[in-house]
Amino acid sequence: MAKATKAKKRRPRSAALQRPDDLIARGHHDMGGLPADRVVPSEHDTAEWERRVDALMTLLSGVKGGPPRMTVDELRKNIEAIGPEAYDKMSYYERWVTSITQTMIQRGIITTDELGQKMEAVRARPEAKCKK
């Protein structure tokens, strides 16, 4: 004798499960899955200041040498916090240096006053005047 089987009733999927994009707003920086032109990978020369920013990140993350002063997660968080207008105007390494600066301020390693003083000192250098 065959057992009578009950048909399972399926619960309707909630609207949240049908549209996960409704749960989390896409950040301006998040371009994954959006239509775009083809990406053509190419090698390019990096400027001296870009190599220095990369080296600074290596040192601050503790990969080489001393204790870590910041994490890659902090780098990403502070890049993602850059407003859309500024983000679009910045290059890759400009975003990095902005994020590193914000992280150092947030951690109390530098102050905004110290940063301002250093920026003025750099602007006052003779070589800075010819590279505008």
Protein backbone atom coordinates (compact mmCIF):
# COMPACT_ATOMS: atom_id res chain seq x y z
CA MET A 1 0.00 0.00 0.00
CA ALA A 2 1.46 3.28 -1.07
CA LYS A 3 1.77 6.06 1.45
CA ALA A 4 -0.16 9.16 0.77
CA THR A 5 2.27 12.00 0.33
CA LYS A 6 1.46 15.51 1.22
CA ALA A 7 2.36 18.09 -1.30
CA LYS A 8 4.79 20.51 0.30
CA LYS A 9 3.57 24.02 0.21
CA ARG A 10 6.28 26.40 -0.89
CA ARG A 11 6.48 29.60 0.96
CA PRO A 12 6.58 32.61 -1.31
CA ARG A 13 9.99 34.18 -1.54
CA SER A 14 10.19 37.49 0.17
CA ALA A 15 10.80 40.56 -1.93
CA ALA A 16 14.18 40.98 -0.23
CA LEU A 17 15.32 37.57 -1.45
CA GLN A 18 14.13 38.24 -4.96
CA ARG A 19 16.06 41.51 -5.24
CA PRO A 20 19.23 41.51 -3.15
CA ASP A 21 20.27 44.84 -4.69
CA ASP A 22 17.44 46.42 -2.72
CA LEU A 23 19.13 45.39 0.53
CA ILE A 24 22.51 46.97 -0.09
CA ALA A 25 22.97 50.17 -2.01
CA ARG A 26 25.70 50.00 -4.61
CA GLY A 27 28.53 52.39 -3.81
CA HIS A 28 29.76 54.78 -6.48
CA HIS A 29 33.06 52.89 -6.66
CA ASP A 30 31.34 49.50 -7.16
CA MET A 31 31.23 48.96 -10.90
CA GLY A 32 31.13 45.17 -10.91
CA GLY A 33 28.40 43.81 -13.15
CA LEU A 34 27.61 47.15 -14.77
CA PRO A 35 27.83 47.56 -18.54
CA ALA A 36 31.19 48.94 -19.59
CA ASP A 37 33.68 49.00 -22.41
CA ARG A 38 36.15 46.19 -22.73
CA VAL A 39 39.12 46.41 -20.38
CA VAL A 40 42.40 46.27 -22.24
CA PRO A 41 45.15 45.29 -19.83
CA SER A 42 48.41 47.04 -20.53
CA GLU A 43 51.65 47.72 -18.76
CA HIS A 44 52.49 51.30 -17.98
CA ASP A 45 55.24 53.15 -16.22
CA THR A 46 54.51 54.34 -12.72
CA ALA A 47 55.66 57.75 -11.59
CA GLU A 48 58.13 58.05 -8.73
CA TRP A 49 55.43 59.33 -6.34
CA GLU A 50 53.22 56.33 -7.20
CA ARG A 51 56.04 53.91 -6.38
CA ARG A 52 56.51 55.76 -3.09
CA VAL A 53 52.81 55.45 -2.23
CA ASP A 54 53.00 51.72 -2.97
CA ALA A 55 56.11 51.41 -0.76
CA LEU A 56 54.40 53.40 2.00
CA MET A 57 51.45 51.01 1.95
CA THR A 58 53.82 48.04 2.10
CA LEU A 59 55.56 49.49 5.14
CA LEU A 60 52.35 50.58 6.92
CA SER A 61 50.71 47.19 6.42
CA GLY A 62 53.66 45.46 8.11
CA VAL A 63 54.44 43.30 5.09
CA LYS A 64 58.08 44.38 5.27
CA GLY A 65 59.67 45.15 8.57
CA GLY A 66 57.81 46.74 11.45
CA PRO A 67 54.42 46.26 13.03
CA PRO A 68 51.30 46.86 10.96
CA ARG A 69 49.95 50.40 11.20
CA MET A 70 46.95 49.76 8.95
CA THR A 71 45.12 46.97 7.21
CA VAL A 72 44.08 46.44 3.63
CA ASP A 73 40.49 46.57 4.92
CA GLU A 74 41.08 50.11 6.20
CA LEU A 75 42.60 51.07 2.86
CA ARG A 76 39.53 49.79 1.05
CA LYS A 77 37.04 51.28 3.51
CA ASN A 78 38.54 54.74 3.20
CA ILE A 79 38.77 54.52 -0.60
CA GLU A 80 35.09 53.57 -0.68
CA ALA A 81 34.29 56.55 1.56
CA ILE A 82 35.63 59.04 -1.00
CA GLY A 83 32.72 61.01 -2.46
CA PRO A 84 31.73 60.31 -6.09
CA GLU A 85 32.89 63.67 -7.44
CA ALA A 86 36.36 63.40 -5.85
CA TYR A 87 36.63 59.65 -6.60
CA ASP A 88 36.09 60.19 -10.32
CA LYS A 89 38.78 62.89 -10.48
CA MET A 90 41.42 60.85 -8.65
CA SER A 91 43.87 58.37 -10.07
CA TYR A 92 44.41 54.94 -8.51
CA TYR A 93 47.32 56.07 -6.33
CA GLU A 94 45.68 59.37 -5.44
CA ARG A 95 42.87 57.30 -3.91
CA TRP A 96 45.45 55.21 -2.05
CA VAL A 97 47.26 58.22 -0.59
CA THR A 98 43.93 59.79 0.42
CA SER A 99 42.91 56.56 2.15
CA ILE A 100 46.28 56.13 3.87
CA THR A 101 46.06 59.71 5.15
CA GLN A 102 42.54 59.17 6.51
CA THR A 103 43.59 55.95 8.22
CA MET A 104 46.58 57.59 9.87
CA ILE A 105 44.33 60.39 11.16
CA GLN A 106 41.66 57.93 12.36
CA ARG A 107 44.28 55.88 14.22
CA GLY A 108 45.78 59.00 15.82
CA ILE A 109 49.17 58.44 14.21
CA ILE A 110 49.08 61.92 12.67
CA THR A 111 46.87 64.94 13.28
CA THR A 112 45.30 67.21 10.70
CA ASP A 113 47.48 70.06 12.03
CA GLU A 114 50.65 68.00 11.49
CA LEU A 115 49.46 67.08 8.02
CA GLY A 116 48.76 70.72 7.16
CA GLN A 117 52.18 71.81 8.39
CA LYS A 118 53.92 69.12 6.35
CA MET A 119 51.93 70.03 3.23
CA GLU A 120 52.99 73.67 3.61
CA ALA A 121 56.63 72.63 4.04
CA VAL A 122 56.45 70.52 0.86
CA ARG A 123 54.81 73.37 -1.08
CA ALA A 124 57.63 75.68 0.02
CA ARG A 125 60.34 73.43 -1.44
CA PRO A 126 62.08 74.97 -4.47
CA GLU A 127 61.52 71.88 -6.64
CA ALA A 128 57.77 71.98 -5.92
CA LYS A 129 57.46 75.32 -7.72
CA CYS A 130 58.75 73.94 -11.04
CA LYS A 131 56.52 70.82 -11.05
CA LYS A 132 53.10 72.48 -10.99
